[in-house]
Amino acid sequence: MIPGGGQPNMQDLLQQAQKMQQDLARAQEELAATEVDGQAGGGLVKATVNGSGELRGLVIDPKAVDPDDTETLADLVVAAVHAANANAQALQQEKLGPLAQGLGGMPGLPF
C-alpha cells in the first residue's frame, strides 16, 4: 500500500528522477568519450566517430584514390561515415536505452 492515500511519495519520486538524470549524464559522458569505427570498400575508407556521432577521424587507403574517379571515393567516405554513425547509434541505444525506458513512465519527459 502506498502511504498518503494512494499518492506516490513526492520525495521518493524526486530522488528517483535525480538519480536517473545523473545516470543519464554519466552515460552521455561515456558516449562522448567512446569511439566507434565504420568502414567501406573492404576497409579502403575507415571513419571514426564518438558515441555521440561526431566525426573524429577518417583514414583513406591510397588505393582508394583515383584522380579520375573522385565520385567513388566520395561515396566510400559517405558510406564509411554512415556505418560509423550506425555503430554509434547502436552504442547509444545500448547505453541510453535502459535509462530512457526508465524515464518513459514519468510525465513531462520527452522519452
N, C-alpha and C. Protein backbone atom coordinates (compact mmCIF):
# COMPACT_ATOMS: atom_id res chain seq x y z
N MET A 1 0.84 -1.18 0.00
CA MET A 1 0.00 0.00 0.00
C MET A 1 0.88 1.24 0.00
N ILE A 2 0.53 2.21 -0.76
CA ILE A 2 1.29 3.45 -0.85
C ILE A 2 0.81 4.39 0.24
N PRO A 3 1.74 4.91 1.09
CA PRO A 3 1.31 5.84 2.13
C PRO A 3 0.79 7.14 1.53
N GLY A 4 -0.05 7.83 2.30
CA GLY A 4 -0.56 9.13 1.84
C GLY A 4 -1.80 9.01 0.98
N GLY A 5 -2.61 8.00 1.20
CA GLY A 5 -3.87 7.89 0.47
C GLY A 5 -3.70 7.51 -0.99
N GLY A 6 -2.73 6.67 -1.30
CA GLY A 6 -2.58 6.20 -2.66
C GLY A 6 -1.71 7.07 -3.55
N GLN A 7 -1.26 8.20 -3.05
CA GLN A 7 -0.39 9.08 -3.83
C GLN A 7 1.07 8.67 -3.64
N PRO A 8 1.86 8.65 -4.70
CA PRO A 8 3.28 8.32 -4.54
C PRO A 8 3.98 9.39 -3.72
N ASN A 9 5.00 8.98 -2.99
CA ASN A 9 5.78 9.90 -2.17
C ASN A 9 6.57 10.81 -3.10
N MET A 10 6.32 12.10 -3.05
CA MET A 10 6.95 13.06 -3.95
C MET A 10 8.46 13.10 -3.76
N GLN A 11 8.91 12.98 -2.51
CA GLN A 11 10.35 13.00 -2.24
C GLN A 11 11.03 11.81 -2.90
N ASP A 12 10.40 10.63 -2.82
CA ASP A 12 10.96 9.43 -3.46
C ASP A 12 11.02 9.62 -4.97
N LEU A 13 9.96 10.18 -5.54
CA LEU A 13 9.93 10.42 -6.98
C LEU A 13 11.04 11.38 -7.41
N LEU A 14 11.23 12.43 -6.62
CA LEU A 14 12.29 13.40 -6.94
C LEU A 14 13.67 12.76 -6.85
N GLN A 15 13.88 11.93 -5.85
CA GLN A 15 15.17 11.25 -5.71
C GLN A 15 15.40 10.30 -6.88
N GLN A 16 14.37 9.57 -7.27
CA GLN A 16 14.50 8.66 -8.41
C GLN A 16 14.81 9.43 -9.69
N ALA A 17 14.13 10.56 -9.88
CA ALA A 17 14.35 11.37 -11.07
C ALA A 17 15.76 11.93 -11.08
N GLN A 18 16.26 12.38 -9.93
CA GLN A 18 17.62 12.91 -9.85
C GLN A 18 18.64 11.82 -10.14
N LYS A 19 18.41 10.62 -9.62
CA LYS A 19 19.34 9.52 -9.88
C LYS A 19 19.35 9.17 -11.37
N MET A 20 18.17 9.10 -11.97
CA MET A 20 18.09 8.81 -13.41
C MET A 20 18.79 9.89 -14.22
N GLN A 21 18.63 11.14 -13.81
CA GLN A 21 19.28 12.25 -14.51
C GLN A 21 20.79 12.13 -14.39
N GLN A 22 21.29 11.78 -13.21
CA GLN A 22 22.73 11.58 -13.02
C GLN A 22 23.22 10.41 -13.86
N ASP A 23 22.46 9.31 -13.88
CA ASP A 23 22.85 8.15 -14.68
C ASP A 23 22.88 8.50 -16.17
N LEU A 24 21.90 9.29 -16.60
CA LEU A 24 21.84 9.70 -18.00
C LEU A 24 23.03 10.58 -18.35
N ALA A 25 23.36 11.53 -17.49
CA ALA A 25 24.52 12.40 -17.74
C ALA A 25 25.81 11.60 -17.79
N ARG A 26 25.95 10.63 -16.90
CA ARG A 26 27.14 9.79 -16.88
C ARG A 26 27.23 8.97 -18.18
N ALA A 27 26.12 8.41 -18.61
CA ALA A 27 26.10 7.63 -19.85
C ALA A 27 26.44 8.50 -21.05
N GLN A 28 25.94 9.73 -21.08
CA GLN A 28 26.24 10.64 -22.19
C GLN A 28 27.73 11.00 -22.21
N GLU A 29 28.33 11.17 -21.03
CA GLU A 29 29.77 11.45 -20.96
C GLU A 29 30.56 10.25 -21.48
N GLU A 30 30.14 9.05 -21.11
CA GLU A 30 30.81 7.84 -21.59
C GLU A 30 30.70 7.74 -23.11
N LEU A 31 29.53 8.07 -23.64
CA LEU A 31 29.34 8.02 -25.10
C LEU A 31 30.28 9.00 -25.80
N ALA A 32 30.38 10.20 -25.27
CA ALA A 32 31.24 11.22 -25.89
C ALA A 32 32.70 10.79 -25.87
N ALA A 33 33.09 9.98 -24.89
CA ALA A 33 34.48 9.55 -24.78
C ALA A 33 34.77 8.25 -25.52
N THR A 34 33.74 7.56 -25.96
CA THR A 34 33.91 6.27 -26.64
C THR A 34 33.92 6.47 -28.15
N GLU A 35 34.88 5.84 -28.82
CA GLU A 35 34.96 5.94 -30.27
C GLU A 35 34.59 4.61 -30.91
N VAL A 36 33.86 4.70 -32.02
CA VAL A 36 33.48 3.53 -32.80
C VAL A 36 33.87 3.77 -34.25
N ASP A 37 34.09 2.68 -34.98
CA ASP A 37 34.54 2.78 -36.36
C ASP A 37 33.49 2.26 -37.32
N GLY A 38 33.63 2.69 -38.55
CA GLY A 38 32.85 2.17 -39.66
C GLY A 38 33.77 2.16 -40.86
N GLN A 39 33.51 1.27 -41.80
CA GLN A 39 34.37 1.20 -42.98
C GLN A 39 33.57 0.92 -44.23
N ALA A 40 34.21 1.17 -45.35
CA ALA A 40 33.58 0.93 -46.65
C ALA A 40 34.68 0.49 -47.62
N GLY A 41 34.25 -0.12 -48.69
CA GLY A 41 35.20 -0.55 -49.72
C GLY A 41 36.16 -1.61 -49.20
N GLY A 42 35.67 -2.49 -48.34
CA GLY A 42 36.54 -3.53 -47.81
C GLY A 42 37.67 -2.97 -46.95
N GLY A 43 37.42 -1.85 -46.32
CA GLY A 43 38.41 -1.24 -45.44
C GLY A 43 39.26 -0.17 -46.11
N LEU A 44 38.95 0.17 -47.37
CA LEU A 44 39.71 1.23 -48.04
C LEU A 44 39.48 2.59 -47.39
N VAL A 45 38.29 2.78 -46.84
CA VAL A 45 37.98 4.03 -46.14
C VAL A 45 37.42 3.65 -44.77
N LYS A 46 38.02 4.25 -43.73
CA LYS A 46 37.59 3.99 -42.36
C LYS A 46 37.27 5.32 -41.69
N ALA A 47 36.13 5.36 -41.05
CA ALA A 47 35.71 6.55 -40.32
C ALA A 47 35.59 6.21 -38.85
N THR A 48 35.96 7.16 -38.01
CA THR A 48 35.83 7.00 -36.57
C THR A 48 34.95 8.13 -36.05
N VAL A 49 33.92 7.76 -35.28
CA VAL A 49 33.05 8.74 -34.65
C VAL A 49 33.01 8.44 -33.16
N ASN A 50 32.66 9.46 -32.37
CA ASN A 50 32.46 9.16 -30.95
C ASN A 50 31.04 8.64 -30.78
N GLY A 51 30.72 8.22 -29.57
CA GLY A 51 29.41 7.64 -29.31
C GLY A 51 28.26 8.60 -29.53
N SER A 52 28.56 9.88 -29.63
CA SER A 52 27.53 10.88 -29.92
C SER A 52 27.35 11.11 -31.41
N GLY A 53 28.18 10.44 -32.23
CA GLY A 53 28.07 10.57 -33.67
C GLY A 53 28.95 11.64 -34.27
N GLU A 54 29.83 12.25 -33.50
CA GLU A 54 30.72 13.29 -34.00
C GLU A 54 31.92 12.65 -34.71
N LEU A 55 32.17 13.05 -35.95
CA LEU A 55 33.28 12.50 -36.72
C LEU A 55 34.59 12.89 -36.07
N ARG A 56 35.42 11.88 -35.73
CA ARG A 56 36.68 12.13 -35.04
C ARG A 56 37.89 11.81 -35.92
N GLY A 57 37.71 10.97 -36.92
CA GLY A 57 38.84 10.63 -37.77
C GLY A 57 38.39 9.96 -39.05
N LEU A 58 39.26 10.07 -40.06
CA LEU A 58 38.97 9.49 -41.36
C LEU A 58 40.29 9.02 -41.96
N VAL A 59 40.35 7.75 -42.33
CA VAL A 59 41.55 7.18 -42.93
C VAL A 59 41.19 6.67 -44.32
N ILE A 60 41.95 7.12 -45.31
CA ILE A 60 41.70 6.72 -46.70
C ILE A 60 42.95 6.01 -47.21
N ASP A 61 42.78 4.76 -47.59
CA ASP A 61 43.88 3.98 -48.17
C ASP A 61 44.22 4.60 -49.53
N PRO A 62 45.51 4.80 -49.83
CA PRO A 62 45.89 5.39 -51.12
C PRO A 62 45.32 4.63 -52.33
N LYS A 63 45.04 3.34 -52.17
CA LYS A 63 44.46 2.56 -53.27
C LYS A 63 43.07 3.07 -53.65
N ALA A 64 42.42 3.76 -52.72
CA ALA A 64 41.07 4.27 -52.99
C ALA A 64 41.09 5.58 -53.75
N VAL A 65 42.27 6.17 -53.91
CA VAL A 65 42.37 7.49 -54.53
C VAL A 65 42.66 7.34 -56.02
N ASP A 66 41.67 7.69 -56.83
CA ASP A 66 41.81 7.71 -58.28
C ASP A 66 41.40 9.11 -58.74
N PRO A 67 42.36 9.93 -59.17
CA PRO A 67 42.03 11.31 -59.56
C PRO A 67 40.94 11.40 -60.62
N ASP A 68 40.78 10.34 -61.41
CA ASP A 68 39.76 10.35 -62.45
C ASP A 68 38.40 9.87 -61.95
N ASP A 69 38.35 9.44 -60.70
CA ASP A 69 37.09 8.92 -60.17
C ASP A 69 36.91 9.35 -58.71
N THR A 70 36.79 10.64 -58.50
CA THR A 70 36.61 11.14 -57.13
C THR A 70 35.21 10.84 -56.60
N GLU A 71 34.27 10.59 -57.50
CA GLU A 71 32.91 10.29 -57.08
C GLU A 71 32.85 9.00 -56.26
N THR A 72 33.58 7.99 -56.70
CA THR A 72 33.61 6.72 -55.96
C THR A 72 34.23 6.93 -54.59
N LEU A 73 35.29 7.71 -54.52
CA LEU A 73 35.92 7.98 -53.23
C LEU A 73 34.94 8.71 -52.31
N ALA A 74 34.24 9.67 -52.83
CA ALA A 74 33.25 10.40 -52.03
C ALA A 74 32.16 9.44 -51.53
N ASP A 75 31.72 8.53 -52.38
CA ASP A 75 30.72 7.54 -51.97
C ASP A 75 31.25 6.65 -50.85
N LEU A 76 32.52 6.26 -50.96
CA LEU A 76 33.13 5.42 -49.92
C LEU A 76 33.22 6.17 -48.59
N VAL A 77 33.57 7.45 -48.65
CA VAL A 77 33.65 8.26 -47.43
C VAL A 77 32.27 8.36 -46.78
N VAL A 78 31.26 8.66 -47.58
CA VAL A 78 29.90 8.76 -47.05
C VAL A 78 29.47 7.42 -46.44
N ALA A 79 29.76 6.32 -47.12
CA ALA A 79 29.37 5.00 -46.62
C ALA A 79 30.09 4.67 -45.31
N ALA A 80 31.37 5.01 -45.22
CA ALA A 80 32.13 4.73 -44.00
C ALA A 80 31.60 5.55 -42.83
N VAL A 81 31.30 6.82 -43.07
CA VAL A 81 30.76 7.67 -42.01
C VAL A 81 29.37 7.17 -41.60
N HIS A 82 28.58 6.77 -42.58
CA HIS A 82 27.26 6.22 -42.27
C HIS A 82 27.38 4.96 -41.42
N ALA A 83 28.30 4.08 -41.76
CA ALA A 83 28.50 2.85 -40.99
C ALA A 83 28.95 3.17 -39.57
N ALA A 84 29.85 4.12 -39.43
CA ALA A 84 30.33 4.51 -38.10
C ALA A 84 29.18 5.10 -37.28
N ASN A 85 28.36 5.92 -37.90
CA ASN A 85 27.22 6.51 -37.19
C ASN A 85 26.20 5.45 -36.79
N ALA A 86 26.01 4.44 -37.63
CA ALA A 86 25.10 3.35 -37.28
C ALA A 86 25.63 2.61 -36.05
N ASN A 87 26.95 2.42 -35.99
CA ASN A 87 27.55 1.79 -34.82
C ASN A 87 27.41 2.68 -33.58
N ALA A 88 27.53 3.99 -33.77
CA ALA A 88 27.36 4.93 -32.66
C ALA A 88 25.91 4.89 -32.15
N GLN A 89 24.95 4.79 -33.06
CA GLN A 89 23.55 4.72 -32.64
C GLN A 89 23.27 3.44 -31.87
N ALA A 90 23.90 2.34 -32.30
CA ALA A 90 23.73 1.08 -31.57
C ALA A 90 24.31 1.22 -30.16
N LEU A 91 25.44 1.89 -30.05
CA LEU A 91 26.06 2.12 -28.75
C LEU A 91 25.17 3.03 -27.89
N GLN A 92 24.59 4.05 -28.51
CA GLN A 92 23.68 4.95 -27.78
C GLN A 92 22.49 4.16 -27.24
N GLN A 93 21.94 3.30 -28.05
CA GLN A 93 20.78 2.50 -27.63
C GLN A 93 21.17 1.59 -26.47
N GLU A 94 22.37 1.02 -26.57
CA GLU A 94 22.85 0.13 -25.51
C GLU A 94 23.02 0.89 -24.19
N LYS A 95 23.60 2.09 -24.27
CA LYS A 95 23.89 2.86 -23.06
C LYS A 95 22.68 3.63 -22.54
N LEU A 96 21.91 4.22 -23.45
CA LEU A 96 20.83 5.11 -23.04
C LEU A 96 19.46 4.44 -23.05
N GLY A 97 19.33 3.35 -23.77
CA GLY A 97 18.03 2.69 -23.89
C GLY A 97 17.39 2.36 -22.56
N PRO A 98 18.12 1.67 -21.68
CA PRO A 98 17.51 1.34 -20.38
C PRO A 98 17.16 2.60 -19.58
N LEU A 99 17.96 3.64 -19.68
CA LEU A 99 17.67 4.88 -18.95
C LEU A 99 16.43 5.55 -19.52
N ALA A 100 16.33 5.59 -20.83
CA ALA A 100 15.18 6.22 -21.47
C ALA A 100 13.89 5.46 -21.13
N GLN A 101 13.99 4.13 -21.06
CA GLN A 101 12.81 3.34 -20.69
C GLN A 101 12.39 3.65 -19.26
N GLY A 102 13.37 3.84 -18.38
CA GLY A 102 13.07 4.18 -17.00
C GLY A 102 12.41 5.53 -16.87
N LEU A 103 12.79 6.46 -17.74
CA LEU A 103 12.21 7.80 -17.70
C LEU A 103 10.89 7.88 -18.45
N GLY A 104 10.61 6.90 -19.29
CA GLY A 104 9.44 6.94 -20.14
C GLY A 104 8.13 7.00 -19.40
N GLY A 105 8.09 6.47 -18.19
CA GLY A 105 6.86 6.48 -17.44
C GLY A 105 6.63 7.77 -16.66
N MET A 106 7.56 8.70 -16.75
CA MET A 106 7.42 9.92 -15.97
C MET A 106 6.82 11.02 -16.85
N PRO A 107 5.69 11.58 -16.45
CA PRO A 107 5.04 12.61 -17.25
C PRO A 107 5.93 13.83 -17.45
N GLY A 108 5.86 14.40 -18.62
CA GLY A 108 6.58 15.62 -18.91
C GLY A 108 7.98 15.42 -19.44
N LEU A 109 8.45 14.17 -19.50
CA LEU A 109 9.80 13.92 -20.01
C LEU A 109 9.70 13.43 -21.46
N PRO A 110 10.57 13.91 -22.32
CA PRO A 110 10.45 13.64 -23.77
C PRO A 110 11.05 12.30 -24.16
N PHE A 111 10.70 11.21 -23.51
CA PHE A 111 11.24 9.90 -23.89
C PHE A 111 10.14 8.97 -24.26
